[in-house]
Amino acid sequence: MKTKFTLPAILVLSTVLLHSCYGPKNILKLQPDDKTEGKWLYGQQFVADTLNGIIYEVAYERCQSEQYWFNFTVTNLSNLPILIDPSGFLLKGYNGYREPIMEIAALNPENEILDIEKSLAKSGAREANHIGLSLLAASVDVATGVATATDDNPDNDYLSTNLYEGVQVGREVNALRAESLETMRDSWENSTIRKTTVEPNHNIKGKVFFPAVREASYIKLFLPVDSNFVEMSYEQIQIPVN
């Protein structure tokens, strides 16, 4: 039995499909509670707080790939070295009544770098396999090419293979992925705040990443100094994409 689709049915189906499509997510902005506080640099508002001679200067940059991006400067004006470890940085999300709804830690650069190195090791193994497959595929292509060339029956031309070309495409895809992973590793190694002992009268600068909390109305950072925390509060603003 054949099914016939009438014009009204097609219109209804199209409407349902259009309504079921995902629209772009709202753009997330974090605005410091004190809008006049701190200094501005390249469109980013840096706010600062200090405890026991340790100064945190923090600016929200953007939300990308469901992660908050922050730029940090941590300065040690105390008399003792201090260990700065981003895995101890905390972010708490609050609802509109300022009730806590979620607590999460910053992404740990050392874990991210290790994951990338594992992926690169797998990519290296795939490349080694591709080299072996390339040699095998080239041999098969040559053999089938010779066989079909010496065969007078044109109906057998389809037996000729192009395996080598297919393997090379796989190698190119793997190489592009490896290049992307190496770029990511370089960024994590050189652009982030990593676990560092900061000596007196020295500072470190870099990015810190937190998983985004879209349902939150307010965000607060808890940044450790010895057994205490520096706190920085933000209002989360959701900007619709029209």
Protein backbone atom coordinates (compact mmCIF):
# COMPACT_ATOMS: atom_id res chain seq x y z
CA MET A 1 0.00 0.00 0.00
CA LYS A 2 1.37 3.41 -0.96
CA THR A 3 1.14 6.34 1.42
CA LYS A 4 0.11 9.67 -0.09
CA PHE A 5 1.13 12.95 1.51
CA THR A 6 -1.32 15.77 0.91
CA LEU A 7 -0.26 19.43 0.88
CA PRO A 8 -1.91 20.20 4.27
CA ALA A 9 -0.14 17.21 5.82
CA ILE A 10 3.20 18.39 4.46
CA LEU A 11 2.59 21.89 5.82
CA VAL A 12 1.73 20.52 9.26
CA LEU A 13 4.82 18.28 9.24
CA SER A 14 7.02 21.22 8.18
CA THR A 15 5.62 23.37 10.99
CA VAL A 16 6.30 20.66 13.56
CA LEU A 17 9.86 20.20 12.32
CA LEU A 18 10.54 23.93 12.34
CA HIS A 19 9.30 24.26 15.91
CA SER A 20 11.37 21.26 17.01
CA CYS A 21 14.62 22.74 15.67
CA TYR A 22 17.08 24.04 18.24
CA GLY A 23 17.64 27.77 18.27
CA PRO A 24 20.87 29.47 19.33
CA LYS A 25 21.51 29.63 23.05
CA ASN A 26 21.53 32.94 24.88
CA ILE A 27 24.85 34.73 25.14
CA LEU A 28 26.07 34.74 28.75
CA LYS A 29 27.69 37.80 30.30
CA LEU A 30 28.99 38.08 33.86
CA GLN A 31 28.86 41.57 35.30
CA PRO A 32 30.60 42.38 38.61
CA ASP A 33 28.19 43.31 41.39
CA ASP A 34 29.94 46.66 41.68
CA LYS A 35 29.71 47.97 38.13
CA THR A 36 32.10 50.87 38.83
CA GLU A 37 34.77 48.77 40.52
CA GLY A 38 38.19 47.97 39.09
CA LYS A 39 39.80 48.89 35.79
CA TRP A 40 39.10 48.19 32.14
CA LEU A 41 41.45 46.59 29.63
CA TYR A 42 40.44 45.75 26.05
CA GLY A 43 36.76 45.72 26.93
CA GLN A 44 37.19 43.55 30.02
CA GLN A 45 36.46 44.80 33.52
CA PHE A 46 39.09 43.67 36.00
CA VAL A 47 38.08 43.55 39.64
CA ALA A 48 40.57 42.98 42.43
CA ASP A 49 40.57 41.82 46.03
CA THR A 50 43.34 41.01 48.47
CA LEU A 51 43.87 38.85 51.53
CA ASN A 52 47.07 38.39 53.53
CA GLY A 53 49.09 40.17 50.86
CA ILE A 54 47.78 38.02 47.99
CA ILE A 55 46.04 40.05 45.28
CA TYR A 56 43.62 38.48 42.81
CA GLU A 57 42.74 40.52 39.72
CA VAL A 58 40.05 38.85 37.63
CA ALA A 59 38.20 39.70 34.42
CA TYR A 60 35.41 37.75 32.77
CA GLU A 61 36.13 37.30 29.06
CA ARG A 62 33.40 35.16 27.54
CA CYS A 63 31.38 31.95 27.66
CA GLN A 64 32.47 29.53 24.95
CA SER A 65 31.74 25.83 24.54
CA GLU A 66 29.72 26.02 27.77
CA GLN A 67 32.74 27.25 29.72
CA TYR A 68 33.35 30.58 31.44
CA TRP A 69 36.67 32.13 30.42
CA PHE A 70 38.41 34.34 32.98
CA ASN A 71 41.71 36.22 32.82
CA PHE A 72 43.64 36.15 36.10
CA THR A 73 46.59 37.97 37.61
CA VAL A 74 47.71 36.72 41.02
CA THR A 75 50.32 38.84 42.83
CA ASN A 76 52.18 37.84 45.98
CA LEU A 77 52.98 40.86 48.16
CA SER A 78 53.39 38.78 51.31
CA ASN A 79 56.68 37.74 52.86
CA LEU A 80 56.25 34.04 52.05
CA PRO A 81 55.89 31.95 48.89
CA ILE A 82 52.34 30.80 48.13
CA LEU A 83 51.12 27.87 46.06
CA ILE A 84 48.52 28.84 43.46
CA ASP A 85 46.57 25.84 42.18
CA PRO A 86 43.54 26.50 39.92
CA SER A 87 42.04 23.13 40.82
CA GLY A 88 41.24 24.75 44.18
CA PHE A 89 39.35 27.65 42.59
CA LEU A 90 35.60 27.27 43.15
CA LEU A 91 32.56 28.73 41.43
CA LYS A 92 29.11 28.75 43.00
CA GLY A 93 25.89 29.43 41.11
CA TYR A 94 22.89 31.06 42.81
CA ASN A 95 19.26 31.45 41.78
CA GLY A 96 17.35 34.75 41.73
CA TYR A 97 16.88 34.56 45.51
CA ARG A 98 20.66 34.16 45.92
CA GLU A 99 20.21 30.60 47.09
CA PRO A 100 23.09 28.28 46.08
CA ILE A 101 22.21 25.81 43.33
CA MET A 102 25.60 24.47 42.21
CA GLU A 103 29.28 24.38 43.17
CA ILE A 104 31.99 23.44 40.69
CA ALA A 105 35.78 23.61 40.52
CA ALA A 106 37.86 25.19 37.78
CA LEU A 107 39.17 22.94 35.04
CA ASN A 108 42.54 21.51 36.02
CA PRO A 109 45.10 22.29 33.28
CA GLU A 110 47.25 19.29 34.24
CA ASN A 111 44.31 16.93 33.69
CA GLU A 112 43.42 18.61 30.40
CA ILE A 113 47.02 18.36 29.17
CA LEU A 114 47.17 14.68 30.15
CA ASP A 115 43.95 13.94 28.24
CA ILE A 116 45.34 15.68 25.16
CA GLU A 117 48.60 13.72 25.41
CA LYS A 118 46.60 10.48 25.54
CA SER A 119 44.71 11.53 22.41
CA LEU A 120 47.99 12.42 20.68
CA ALA A 121 49.41 9.00 21.57
CA LYS A 122 46.37 7.36 19.96
CA SER A 123 46.80 9.60 16.93
CA GLY A 124 50.44 8.50 16.65
CA ALA A 125 49.37 4.85 16.76
CA ARG A 126 46.79 5.50 14.02
CA GLU A 127 49.48 7.14 11.86
CA ALA A 128 51.74 4.09 12.27
CA ASN A 129 48.83 1.86 11.25
CA HIS A 130 48.08 4.11 8.28
CA ILE A 131 51.68 3.76 7.05
CA GLY A 132 51.35 -0.02 7.06
CA LEU A 133 47.96 0.17 5.37
CA SER A 134 49.37 2.56 2.75
CA LEU A 135 52.01 0.03 1.73
CA LEU A 136 49.46 -2.77 1.62
CA ALA A 137 46.91 -0.67 -0.27
CA ALA A 138 49.49 0.43 -2.82
CA SER A 139 50.45 -3.20 -3.45
CA VAL A 140 46.81 -4.23 -3.88
CA ASP A 141 46.10 -1.30 -6.22
CA VAL A 142 49.11 -2.19 -8.38
CA ALA A 143 48.15 -5.86 -8.50
CA THR A 144 44.52 -5.22 -9.44
CA GLY A 145 45.57 -2.54 -11.91
CA VAL A 146 47.90 -4.95 -13.70
CA ALA A 147 45.26 -7.69 -13.65
CA THR A 148 42.56 -5.55 -15.21
CA ALA A 149 44.96 -3.99 -17.71
CA THR A 150 45.94 -7.41 -19.06
CA ASP A 151 42.35 -8.66 -19.07
CA ASP A 152 40.61 -8.18 -22.42
CA ASN A 153 37.16 -8.28 -20.80
CA PRO A 154 36.07 -4.65 -20.12
CA ASP A 155 33.38 -5.93 -17.74
CA ASN A 156 36.15 -6.71 -15.22
CA ASP A 157 37.46 -3.13 -15.03
CA TYR A 158 35.46 -2.58 -11.84
CA LEU A 159 37.81 -4.98 -10.08
CA SER A 160 40.54 -2.32 -10.13
CA THR A 161 40.91 -0.81 -6.63
CA ASN A 162 41.81 2.63 -5.25
CA LEU A 163 42.56 1.58 -1.69
CA TYR A 164 45.69 3.74 -1.43
CA GLU A 165 43.71 6.93 -2.06
CA GLY A 166 41.22 6.01 0.66
CA VAL A 167 43.99 5.34 3.17
CA GLN A 168 45.62 8.69 2.36
CA VAL A 169 42.35 10.49 3.10
CA GLY A 170 42.32 8.81 6.50
CA ARG A 171 45.92 9.90 7.12
CA GLU A 172 45.06 13.51 6.25
CA VAL A 173 42.11 13.54 8.65
CA ASN A 174 44.28 12.05 11.39
CA ALA A 175 47.04 14.62 10.74
CA LEU A 176 44.58 17.52 10.99
CA ARG A 177 43.24 16.16 14.27
CA ALA A 178 46.77 15.77 15.65
CA GLU A 179 47.61 19.34 14.63
CA SER A 180 44.49 20.62 16.40
CA LEU A 181 45.38 18.64 19.53
CA GLU A 182 48.91 20.04 19.55
CA THR A 183 47.52 23.58 19.32
CA MET A 184 45.19 22.86 22.24
CA ARG A 185 48.04 21.43 24.29
CA ASP A 186 50.17 24.50 23.60
CA SER A 187 47.33 26.76 24.75
CA TRP A 188 46.82 24.82 27.98
CA GLU A 189 50.55 24.74 28.68
CA ASN A 190 51.32 28.39 27.98
CA SER A 191 48.12 30.45 28.32
CA THR A 192 46.57 29.20 31.56
CA ILE A 193 47.16 29.60 35.27
CA ARG A 194 48.91 26.36 36.22
CA LYS A 195 49.96 25.00 39.60
CA THR A 196 52.78 27.36 40.57
CA THR A 197 54.66 28.48 43.66
CA VAL A 198 54.65 32.27 43.50
CA GLU A 199 57.54 33.90 45.32
CA PRO A 200 57.18 37.21 47.21
CA ASN A 201 56.92 40.26 44.92
CA HIS A 202 56.14 38.08 41.90
CA ASN A 203 52.93 37.35 40.00
CA ILE A 204 51.46 34.96 37.47
CA LYS A 205 48.98 35.64 34.68
CA GLY A 206 46.77 33.38 32.63
CA LYS A 207 43.32 32.06 31.85
CA VAL A 208 41.09 30.01 34.14
CA PHE A 209 38.10 28.03 32.88
CA PHE A 210 34.94 26.96 34.71
CA PRO A 211 31.97 24.93 33.43
CA ALA A 212 29.08 27.31 32.77
CA VAL A 213 25.96 27.34 34.96
CA ARG A 214 23.24 28.65 32.64
CA GLU A 215 20.44 28.37 35.17
CA ALA A 216 22.19 30.66 37.65
CA SER A 217 21.24 34.31 38.15
CA TYR A 218 24.35 35.08 40.19
CA ILE A 219 27.87 33.68 40.20
CA LYS A 220 30.49 33.87 42.92
CA LEU A 221 34.15 32.88 42.71
CA PHE A 222 35.98 31.54 45.76
CA LEU A 223 39.74 31.91 45.37
CA PRO A 224 41.92 30.34 48.08
CA VAL A 225 44.46 32.15 50.22
CA ASP A 226 45.86 29.73 52.78
CA SER A 227 42.75 28.35 54.53
CA ASN A 228 40.51 31.30 53.56
CA PHE A 229 39.00 32.60 50.33
CA VAL A 230 38.80 35.79 48.35
CA GLU A 231 35.25 36.13 47.02
CA MET A 232 34.15 37.83 43.80
CA SER A 233 30.48 38.21 42.91
CA TYR A 234 28.85 38.57 39.49
CA GLU A 235 25.38 38.93 38.08
CA GLN A 236 24.74 36.62 35.13
CA ILE A 237 23.01 38.31 32.22
CA GLN A 238 21.44 36.26 29.43
CA ILE A 239 21.26 38.03 26.08
CA PRO A 240 18.85 36.45 23.56
CA VAL A 241 20.09 35.89 20.02
CA ASN A 242 17.42 37.38 17.76
